[in-house]
Amino acid sequence: MKDALSIHRLLLEHQTEHEIVRLPRHISCADDLPEVLGLPAFRCLSTRIYLPYEPGRLYTEHHPLVAVIVPAGIRPAPSAVADLVGVPEIRPAPVDLVNEITDYAADLVAPLLLPAEVTMLVDQRTTYGDEVVYTPTGEAWTALGIHTLDLFALCDAKPTPIPCTGVQDAPRPTDH
């Protein structure tokens, strides 16, 4: 399984400023980060993994997984994600498939070191400015602190306006 050390090595290799933070208590998913770190949700990111759905089929090799980076507590509208990747329907990927394909614990997927065939999208609201944000590392007791511009450059995520549900405390572009 990938972990904080794997991410740390990647970031050292790219000479990227970052911090691996030891959390004061374990988290069970990325949505726990704001509470544990005492930060607003827009400073903590979650990587949601989706699978294009084809009626009557189980997992399909025809469509790769889709990773959507959003603030903690946010859920992208599945129909919007489906439209963005050009498929009729998309659903949250099954835990066992996420574990197998990403090599991360399903609820603690980091947006780095994902396989090249995973389509990467990022909620455009997270790309305002170059703040330090925190993401899971695949481990329940650590988080990665990294500047947004560095993170999105390394994971090659496409900034996209994505309708979402959940926490809505992200700053507006005029707040900077």
C-alpha atoms as a PDB file:
ATOM      1  CA  MET A   1       0.000   0.000   0.000  1.00  0.00           C
ATOM      2  CA  LYS A   2       1.106   3.544  -0.708  1.00  0.00           C
ATOM      3  CA  ASP A   3       1.723   5.721   2.315  1.00  0.00           C
ATOM      4  CA  ALA A   4       3.242   8.969   3.583  1.00  0.00           C
ATOM      5  CA  LEU A   5       6.763   7.733   2.855  1.00  0.00           C
ATOM      6  CA  SER A   6       5.877   7.014  -0.798  1.00  0.00           C
ATOM      7  CA  ILE A   7       4.459  10.524  -1.160  1.00  0.00           C
ATOM      8  CA  HIS A   8       7.418  12.079   0.675  1.00  0.00           C
ATOM      9  CA  ARG A   9       9.857  10.359  -1.697  1.00  0.00           C
ATOM     10  CA  LEU A  10       7.949  11.580  -4.757  1.00  0.00           C
ATOM     11  CA  LEU A  11       7.938  15.155  -3.481  1.00  0.00           C
ATOM     12  CA  LEU A  12      11.641  15.060  -2.607  1.00  0.00           C
ATOM     13  CA  GLU A  13      12.376  13.735  -6.085  1.00  0.00           C
ATOM     14  CA  HIS A  14      10.522  16.729  -7.554  1.00  0.00           C
ATOM     15  CA  GLN A  15      12.084  19.112  -5.011  1.00  0.00           C
ATOM     16  CA  THR A  16       8.608  20.160  -3.895  1.00  0.00           C
ATOM     17  CA  GLU A  17       8.125  21.937  -0.581  1.00  0.00           C
ATOM     18  CA  HIS A  18       5.756  19.943   1.617  1.00  0.00           C
ATOM     19  CA  GLU A  19       5.114  18.715   5.137  1.00  0.00           C
ATOM     20  CA  ILE A  20       4.001  15.345   6.395  1.00  0.00           C
ATOM     21  CA  VAL A  21       1.896  16.120   9.467  1.00  0.00           C
ATOM     22  CA  ARG A  22       1.452  13.627  12.273  1.00  0.00           C
ATOM     23  CA  LEU A  23      -2.214  13.883  13.242  1.00  0.00           C
ATOM     24  CA  PRO A  24      -3.229  14.197  16.911  1.00  0.00           C
ATOM     25  CA  ARG A  25      -5.672  11.322  16.387  1.00  0.00           C
ATOM     26  CA  HIS A  26      -6.382   8.822  13.636  1.00  0.00           C
ATOM     27  CA  ILE A  27      -8.831   9.635  10.877  1.00  0.00           C
ATOM     28  CA  SER A  28     -11.143   7.179   9.158  1.00  0.00           C
ATOM     29  CA  CYS A  29     -11.587   9.260   5.998  1.00  0.00           C
ATOM     30  CA  ALA A  30     -10.509  12.536   4.383  1.00  0.00           C
ATOM     31  CA  ASP A  31     -13.659  14.247   5.667  1.00  0.00           C
ATOM     32  CA  ASP A  32     -12.200  14.010   9.200  1.00  0.00           C
ATOM     33  CA  LEU A  33      -9.211  16.243   8.358  1.00  0.00           C
ATOM     34  CA  PRO A  34     -10.805  19.673   9.034  1.00  0.00           C
ATOM     35  CA  GLU A  35     -11.890  18.695  12.538  1.00  0.00           C
ATOM     36  CA  VAL A  36      -8.622  16.963  13.426  1.00  0.00           C
ATOM     37  CA  LEU A  37      -6.443  19.785  12.055  1.00  0.00           C
ATOM     38  CA  GLY A  38      -8.725  22.603  13.216  1.00  0.00           C
ATOM     39  CA  LEU A  39      -8.941  24.043   9.697  1.00  0.00           C
ATOM     40  CA  PRO A  40     -11.798  25.126   7.432  1.00  0.00           C
ATOM     41  CA  ALA A  41     -12.952  22.392   5.063  1.00  0.00           C
ATOM     42  CA  PHE A  42     -11.724  24.224   1.949  1.00  0.00           C
ATOM     43  CA  ARG A  43      -8.127  23.821   3.231  1.00  0.00           C
ATOM     44  CA  CYS A  44      -8.497  20.024   3.397  1.00  0.00           C
ATOM     45  CA  LEU A  45      -8.960  18.028   0.206  1.00  0.00           C
ATOM     46  CA  SER A  46     -10.575  14.695  -0.467  1.00  0.00           C
ATOM     47  CA  THR A  47     -10.037  12.527  -3.531  1.00  0.00           C
ATOM     48  CA  ARG A  48     -13.340  10.894  -4.499  1.00  0.00           C
ATOM     49  CA  ILE A  49     -13.058   7.902  -6.819  1.00  0.00           C
ATOM     50  CA  TYR A  50     -15.760   7.075  -9.351  1.00  0.00           C
ATOM     51  CA  LEU A  51     -16.376   4.318 -11.852  1.00  0.00           C
ATOM     52  CA  PRO A  52     -18.317   4.790 -15.089  1.00  0.00           C
ATOM     53  CA  TYR A  53     -21.367   2.547 -14.831  1.00  0.00           C
ATOM     54  CA  GLU A  54     -22.622   0.263 -17.536  1.00  0.00           C
ATOM     55  CA  PRO A  55     -25.925  -1.496 -16.813  1.00  0.00           C
ATOM     56  CA  GLY A  56     -25.589  -5.267 -16.625  1.00  0.00           C
ATOM     57  CA  ARG A  57     -21.807  -5.204 -16.170  1.00  0.00           C
ATOM     58  CA  LEU A  58     -19.523  -5.384 -13.225  1.00  0.00           C
ATOM     59  CA  TYR A  59     -16.178  -3.593 -13.323  1.00  0.00           C
ATOM     60  CA  THR A  60     -15.178  -2.675 -16.822  1.00  0.00           C
ATOM     61  CA  GLU A  61     -11.787  -2.180 -18.386  1.00  0.00           C
ATOM     62  CA  HIS A  62     -13.382   0.027 -21.030  1.00  0.00           C
ATOM     63  CA  HIS A  63     -13.535   2.996 -18.667  1.00  0.00           C
ATOM     64  CA  PRO A  64     -10.790   3.929 -16.223  1.00  0.00           C
ATOM     65  CA  LEU A  65     -11.538   5.230 -12.758  1.00  0.00           C
ATOM     66  CA  VAL A  66     -12.177   8.942 -12.314  1.00  0.00           C
ATOM     67  CA  ALA A  67     -10.616  10.807  -9.378  1.00  0.00           C
ATOM     68  CA  VAL A  68     -12.242  14.079  -8.365  1.00  0.00           C
ATOM     69  CA  ILE A  69     -10.404  16.331  -5.890  1.00  0.00           C
ATOM     70  CA  VAL A  70     -12.816  18.395  -3.792  1.00  0.00           C
ATOM     71  CA  PRO A  71     -12.815  20.078  -0.371  1.00  0.00           C
ATOM     72  CA  ALA A  72     -13.426  17.724   2.550  1.00  0.00           C
ATOM     73  CA  GLY A  73     -17.128  17.119   3.150  1.00  0.00           C
ATOM     74  CA  ILE A  74     -18.028  17.823  -0.476  1.00  0.00           C
ATOM     75  CA  ARG A  75     -19.542  15.277  -2.841  1.00  0.00           C
ATOM     76  CA  PRO A  76     -19.466  15.968  -6.584  1.00  0.00           C
ATOM     77  CA  ALA A  77     -22.775  15.547  -8.372  1.00  0.00           C
ATOM     78  CA  PRO A  78     -22.380  12.188 -10.179  1.00  0.00           C
ATOM     79  CA  SER A  79     -24.281  13.443 -13.232  1.00  0.00           C
ATOM     80  CA  ALA A  80     -21.859  16.384 -13.566  1.00  0.00           C
ATOM     81  CA  VAL A  81     -18.822  14.095 -13.336  1.00  0.00           C
ATOM     82  CA  ALA A  82     -20.395  11.753 -15.919  1.00  0.00           C
ATOM     83  CA  ASP A  83     -20.929  14.699 -18.278  1.00  0.00           C
ATOM     84  CA  LEU A  84     -17.327  15.882 -17.796  1.00  0.00           C
ATOM     85  CA  VAL A  85     -15.845  12.513 -18.751  1.00  0.00           C
ATOM     86  CA  GLY A  86     -18.409  11.779 -21.471  1.00  0.00           C
ATOM     87  CA  VAL A  87     -20.177   8.731 -20.053  1.00  0.00           C
ATOM     88  CA  PRO A  88     -23.905   8.207 -19.444  1.00  0.00           C
ATOM     89  CA  GLU A  89     -23.617   7.405 -15.731  1.00  0.00           C
ATOM     90  CA  ILE A  90     -20.999   7.313 -12.994  1.00  0.00           C
ATOM     91  CA  ARG A  91     -21.076   5.887  -9.469  1.00  0.00           C
ATOM     92  CA  PRO A  92     -18.714   5.828  -6.499  1.00  0.00           C
ATOM     93  CA  ALA A  93     -16.199   3.068  -7.185  1.00  0.00           C
ATOM     94  CA  PRO A  94     -16.429  -0.038  -4.993  1.00  0.00           C
ATOM     95  CA  VAL A  95     -13.985  -0.042  -2.070  1.00  0.00           C
ATOM     96  CA  ASP A  96     -12.185  -3.193  -3.195  1.00  0.00           C
ATOM     97  CA  LEU A  97     -11.624  -1.765  -6.682  1.00  0.00           C
ATOM     98  CA  VAL A  98     -10.332   1.550  -5.263  1.00  0.00           C
ATOM     99  CA  ASN A  99      -7.931  -0.340  -2.998  1.00  0.00           C
ATOM    100  CA  GLU A 100      -6.719  -2.522  -5.862  1.00  0.00           C
ATOM    101  CA  ILE A 101      -6.295   0.157  -8.529  1.00  0.00           C
ATOM    102  CA  THR A 102      -4.988   3.056  -6.407  1.00  0.00           C
ATOM    103  CA  ASP A 103      -3.000   1.026  -3.859  1.00  0.00           C
ATOM    104  CA  TYR A 104      -4.415   3.328  -1.136  1.00  0.00           C
ATOM    105  CA  ALA A 105      -6.979   2.637   1.570  1.00  0.00           C
ATOM    106  CA  ALA A 106     -10.246   3.620  -0.158  1.00  0.00           C
ATOM    107  CA  ASP A 107     -11.285   6.397   2.255  1.00  0.00           C
ATOM    108  CA  LEU A 108      -7.741   7.831   2.499  1.00  0.00           C
ATOM    109  CA  VAL A 109      -6.773   8.154  -1.185  1.00  0.00           C
ATOM    110  CA  ALA A 110      -4.166  10.823  -1.837  1.00  0.00           C
ATOM    111  CA  PRO A 111      -4.301  12.752  -5.109  1.00  0.00           C
ATOM    112  CA  LEU A 112      -0.673  11.807  -5.850  1.00  0.00           C
ATOM    113  CA  LEU A 113       0.825   8.587  -7.224  1.00  0.00           C
ATOM    114  CA  LEU A 114      -2.408   7.470  -8.851  1.00  0.00           C
ATOM    115  CA  PRO A 115      -2.075   5.300 -11.973  1.00  0.00           C
ATOM    116  CA  ALA A 116      -1.797   7.209 -15.255  1.00  0.00           C
ATOM    117  CA  GLU A 117      -5.047   5.711 -16.565  1.00  0.00           C
ATOM    118  CA  VAL A 118      -7.063   7.349 -13.759  1.00  0.00           C
ATOM    119  CA  THR A 119      -8.750  10.505 -15.081  1.00  0.00           C
ATOM    120  CA  MET A 120      -7.992  13.382 -12.680  1.00  0.00           C
ATOM    121  CA  LEU A 121     -10.355  16.320 -12.148  1.00  0.00           C
ATOM    122  CA  VAL A 122     -10.194  19.039  -9.500  1.00  0.00           C
ATOM    123  CA  ASP A 123     -13.036  21.251  -8.341  1.00  0.00           C
ATOM    124  CA  GLN A 124     -12.124  24.678  -9.692  1.00  0.00           C
ATOM    125  CA  ARG A 125     -13.015  26.290  -6.335  1.00  0.00           C
ATOM    126  CA  THR A 126      -9.928  24.686  -4.786  1.00  0.00           C
ATOM    127  CA  THR A 127      -7.562  26.357  -7.244  1.00  0.00           C
ATOM    128  CA  TYR A 128      -8.017  29.986  -6.149  1.00  0.00           C
ATOM    129  CA  GLY A 129      -4.656  31.223  -4.930  1.00  0.00           C
ATOM    130  CA  ASP A 130      -1.765  29.120  -3.739  1.00  0.00           C
ATOM    131  CA  GLU A 131      -2.754  28.162  -0.206  1.00  0.00           C
ATOM    132  CA  VAL A 132      -1.300  25.263   1.723  1.00  0.00           C
ATOM    133  CA  VAL A 133      -3.868  22.476   1.707  1.00  0.00           C
ATOM    134  CA  TYR A 134      -3.935  19.129   3.470  1.00  0.00           C
ATOM    135  CA  THR A 135      -4.751  15.739   1.987  1.00  0.00           C
ATOM    136  CA  PRO A 136      -4.702  12.164   3.239  1.00  0.00           C
ATOM    137  CA  THR A 137      -1.571  10.117   2.669  1.00  0.00           C
ATOM    138  CA  GLY A 138      -3.175   6.696   2.668  1.00  0.00           C
ATOM    139  CA  GLU A 139      -2.461   6.389   6.398  1.00  0.00           C
ATOM    140  CA  ALA A 140      -4.904   7.148   9.205  1.00  0.00           C
ATOM    141  CA  TRP A 141      -2.343   9.039  11.304  1.00  0.00           C
ATOM    142  CA  THR A 142      -0.689  11.416   8.798  1.00  0.00           C
ATOM    143  CA  ALA A 143      -1.649  14.159   6.345  1.00  0.00           C
ATOM    144  CA  LEU A 144       0.237  15.942   3.587  1.00  0.00           C
ATOM    145  CA  GLY A 145       0.562  19.730   3.658  1.00  0.00           C
ATOM    146  CA  ILE A 146       1.367  21.154   0.221  1.00  0.00           C
ATOM    147  CA  HIS A 147       0.745  24.298  -1.839  1.00  0.00           C
ATOM    148  CA  THR A 148      -2.203  23.917  -4.196  1.00  0.00           C
ATOM    149  CA  LEU A 149      -0.230  24.904  -7.289  1.00  0.00           C
ATOM    150  CA  ASP A 150       2.422  22.259  -6.561  1.00  0.00           C
ATOM    151  CA  LEU A 151      -0.192  19.604  -5.829  1.00  0.00           C
ATOM    152  CA  PHE A 152      -2.198  20.182  -8.984  1.00  0.00           C
ATOM    153  CA  ALA A 153       0.912  20.375 -11.152  1.00  0.00           C
ATOM    154  CA  LEU A 154       2.137  17.014  -9.837  1.00  0.00           C
ATOM    155  CA  CYS A 155      -1.162  15.170 -10.108  1.00  0.00           C
ATOM    156  CA  ASP A 156      -1.996  16.710 -13.490  1.00  0.00           C
ATOM    157  CA  ALA A 157      -5.599  17.343 -12.434  1.00  0.00           C
ATOM    158  CA  LYS A 158      -7.797  19.369 -14.767  1.00  0.00           C
ATOM    159  CA  PRO A 159      -9.456  22.319 -12.919  1.00  0.00           C
ATOM    160  CA  THR A 160     -13.174  22.138 -13.697  1.00  0.00           C
ATOM    161  CA  PRO A 161     -16.321  23.727 -12.268  1.00  0.00           C
ATOM    162  CA  ILE A 162     -18.035  20.787 -10.583  1.00  0.00           C
ATOM    163  CA  PRO A 163     -21.481  21.111  -8.967  1.00  0.00           C
ATOM    164  CA  CYS A 164     -21.204  19.596  -5.491  1.00  0.00           C
ATOM    165  CA  THR A 165     -23.191  18.971  -2.336  1.00  0.00           C
ATOM    166  CA  GLY A 166     -21.950  19.346   1.229  1.00  0.00           C
ATOM    167  CA  VAL A 167     -19.780  21.941   2.946  1.00  0.00           C
ATOM    168  CA  GLN A 168     -19.806  25.281   1.136  1.00  0.00           C
ATOM    169  CA  ASP A 169     -17.332  27.427   3.069  1.00  0.00           C
ATOM    170  CA  ALA A 170     -14.735  27.755   0.324  1.00  0.00           C
ATOM    171  CA  PRO A 171     -13.615  31.317  -0.386  1.00  0.00           C
ATOM    172  CA  ARG A 172     -14.875  33.103  -3.473  1.00  0.00           C
ATOM    173  CA  PRO A 173     -12.324  34.441  -5.986  1.00  0.00           C
ATOM    174  CA  THR A 174     -12.988  37.966  -4.701  1.00  0.00           C
ATOM    175  CA  ASP A 175     -11.957  36.931  -1.159  1.00  0.00           C
ATOM    176  CA  HIS A 176      -8.271  36.927  -2.164  1.00  0.00           C
END
